[in-house]
C-alpha atoms as a PDB file:
ATOM      1  CA  UNK A   1      27.089  16.744 -18.722  1.00  0.00           C
ATOM      2  CA  UNK A   2      26.405  15.654 -15.138  1.00  0.00           C
ATOM      3  CA  UNK A   3      23.756  17.411 -13.106  1.00  0.00           C
ATOM      4  CA  UNK A   4      23.761  18.044  -9.371  1.00  0.00           C
ATOM      5  CA  UNK A   5      20.817  17.395  -7.073  1.00  0.00           C
ATOM      6  CA  UNK A   6      20.109  18.824  -3.637  1.00  0.00           C
ATOM      7  CA  UNK A   7      18.964  16.366  -1.000  1.00  0.00           C
ATOM      8  CA  UNK A   8      17.473  17.329   2.328  1.00  0.00           C
ATOM      9  CA  UNK A   9      15.886  16.083   5.511  1.00  0.00           C
ATOM     10  CA  UNK A  10      14.557  17.434   8.800  1.00  0.00           C
ATOM     11  CA  UNK A  11      16.770  16.327  11.702  1.00  0.00           C
ATOM     12  CA  UNK A  12      14.841  17.988  14.576  1.00  0.00           C
ATOM     13  CA  UNK A  13      11.150  18.801  15.030  1.00  0.00           C
ATOM     14  CA  UNK A  14      10.198  22.026  13.284  1.00  0.00           C
ATOM     15  CA  UNK A  15       7.112  23.761  11.834  1.00  0.00           C
ATOM     16  CA  UNK A  16       6.713  23.717   8.060  1.00  0.00           C
ATOM     17  CA  UNK A  17       3.997  25.003   5.746  1.00  0.00           C
ATOM     18  CA  UNK A  18       1.194  22.529   5.105  1.00  0.00           C
ATOM     19  CA  UNK A  19       0.483  24.022   1.672  1.00  0.00           C
ATOM     20  CA  UNK A  20      -2.851  25.505   2.789  1.00  0.00           C
ATOM     21  CA  UNK A  21      -1.557  28.613   4.531  1.00  0.00           C
ATOM     22  CA  UNK A  22      -1.047  26.855   7.871  1.00  0.00           C
ATOM     23  CA  UNK A  23       1.843  25.191   9.623  1.00  0.00           C
ATOM     24  CA  UNK A  24       2.383  21.670  10.896  1.00  0.00           C
ATOM     25  CA  UNK A  25       5.123  20.178  13.054  1.00  0.00           C
ATOM     26  CA  UNK A  26       7.363  17.858  11.048  1.00  0.00           C
ATOM     27  CA  UNK A  27       9.041  14.988  12.874  1.00  0.00           C
ATOM     28  CA  UNK A  28      12.700  14.131  12.150  1.00  0.00           C
ATOM     29  CA  UNK A  29      13.138  12.228   8.897  1.00  0.00           C
ATOM     30  CA  UNK A  30      15.434   9.209   8.635  1.00  0.00           C
ATOM     31  CA  UNK A  31      16.490   9.487   4.990  1.00  0.00           C
ATOM     32  CA  UNK A  32      17.612  12.208   2.646  1.00  0.00           C
ATOM     33  CA  UNK A  33      15.328  12.800  -0.340  1.00  0.00           C
ATOM     34  CA  UNK A  34      15.927  14.834  -3.469  1.00  0.00           C
ATOM     35  CA  UNK A  35      14.355  18.299  -3.429  1.00  0.00           C
ATOM     36  CA  UNK A  36      12.497  20.063  -6.216  1.00  0.00           C
ATOM     37  CA  UNK A  37      13.044  23.721  -7.091  1.00  0.00           C
ATOM     38  CA  UNK A  38      10.582  24.770  -4.351  1.00  0.00           C
ATOM     39  CA  UNK A  39      12.524  22.832  -1.699  1.00  0.00           C
ATOM     40  CA  UNK A  40       9.947  20.057  -1.333  1.00  0.00           C
ATOM     41  CA  UNK A  41      11.005  16.428  -1.026  1.00  0.00           C
ATOM     42  CA  UNK A  42      10.210  14.294  -4.077  1.00  0.00           C
ATOM     43  CA  UNK A  43       9.989  10.528  -4.459  1.00  0.00           C
ATOM     44  CA  UNK A  44      11.066  10.386  -8.127  1.00  0.00           C
ATOM     45  CA  UNK A  45      14.408  11.786  -9.263  1.00  0.00           C
ATOM     46  CA  UNK A  46      12.738  12.971 -12.465  1.00  0.00           C
ATOM     47  CA  UNK A  47      10.859  15.529 -10.336  1.00  0.00           C
ATOM     48  CA  UNK A  48      14.007  16.812  -8.567  1.00  0.00           C
ATOM     49  CA  UNK A  49      15.594  20.169  -9.306  1.00  0.00           C
ATOM     50  CA  UNK A  50      18.726  19.781 -11.433  1.00  0.00           C
ATOM     51  CA  UNK A  51      21.683  22.160 -11.331  1.00  0.00           C
ATOM     52  CA  UNK A  52      24.435  21.929 -13.936  1.00  0.00           C
ATOM     53  CA  UNK A  53      27.101  23.503 -11.738  1.00  0.00           C
ATOM     54  CA  UNK A  54      27.830  22.360  -8.206  1.00  0.00           C
ATOM     55  CA  UNK A  55      28.497  25.982  -7.232  1.00  0.00           C
ATOM     56  CA  UNK A  56      24.931  26.957  -8.191  1.00  0.00           C
ATOM     57  CA  UNK A  57      23.500  24.146  -6.062  1.00  0.00           C
ATOM     58  CA  UNK A  58      25.729  25.275  -3.189  1.00  0.00           C
ATOM     59  CA  UNK A  59      24.399  28.843  -3.506  1.00  0.00           C
ATOM     60  CA  UNK A  60      20.836  27.506  -3.215  1.00  0.00           C
ATOM     61  CA  UNK A  61      21.759  25.471  -0.118  1.00  0.00           C
ATOM     62  CA  UNK A  62      23.510  28.481   1.437  1.00  0.00           C
ATOM     63  CA  UNK A  63      20.471  30.679   0.788  1.00  0.00           C
ATOM     64  CA  UNK A  64      18.102  28.098   2.311  1.00  0.00           C
ATOM     65  CA  UNK A  65      20.374  27.587   5.321  1.00  0.00           C
ATOM     66  CA  UNK A  66      20.570  31.356   5.902  1.00  0.00           C
ATOM     67  CA  UNK A  67      16.757  31.530   5.796  1.00  0.00           C
ATOM     68  CA  UNK A  68      16.388  28.767   8.394  1.00  0.00           C
ATOM     69  CA  UNK A  69      19.119  30.321  10.564  1.00  0.00           C
ATOM     70  CA  UNK A  70      17.206  33.615  10.518  1.00  0.00           C
ATOM     71  CA  UNK A  71      13.986  31.789  11.496  1.00  0.00           C
ATOM     72  CA  UNK A  72      15.791  30.049  14.374  1.00  0.00           C
ATOM     73  CA  UNK A  73      15.653  26.555  12.848  1.00  0.00           C
ATOM     74  CA  UNK A  74      19.099  26.380  11.238  1.00  0.00           C
ATOM     75  CA  UNK A  75      20.068  23.258  13.169  1.00  0.00           C
ATOM     76  CA  UNK A  76      16.834  21.431  12.223  1.00  0.00           C
ATOM     77  CA  UNK A  77      17.523  20.869   8.508  1.00  0.00           C
ATOM     78  CA  UNK A  78      20.390  19.060   6.773  1.00  0.00           C
ATOM     79  CA  UNK A  79      21.323  19.286   3.095  1.00  0.00           C
ATOM     80  CA  UNK A  80      23.602  17.309   0.775  1.00  0.00           C
ATOM     81  CA  UNK A  81      24.603  17.987  -2.828  1.00  0.00           C
ATOM     82  CA  UNK A  82      25.035  14.843  -4.919  1.00  0.00           C
ATOM     83  CA  UNK A  83      25.892  14.164  -8.549  1.00  0.00           C
ATOM     84  CA  UNK A  84      22.978  12.669 -10.472  1.00  0.00           C
ATOM     85  CA  UNK A  85      23.319   9.242 -11.992  1.00  0.00           C
END
């Protein structure tokens, strides 16, 4: 059964958590990377969050996009849903 992965990248400067309770400004990223279940970019596909229905992955993307829209950064992040290989 194929799995679906969510890919993401920052397309405009925006503040993101630095993991230590603070924020840092993230510059635009040139490539999409797979995201884990916490929404962090990963370098290995084995670490990416896998969804077995495309609709479930789309719900996650919609929820994340709504969060960023509410924060005022909705146009700073881009997402793609791709079938895993």
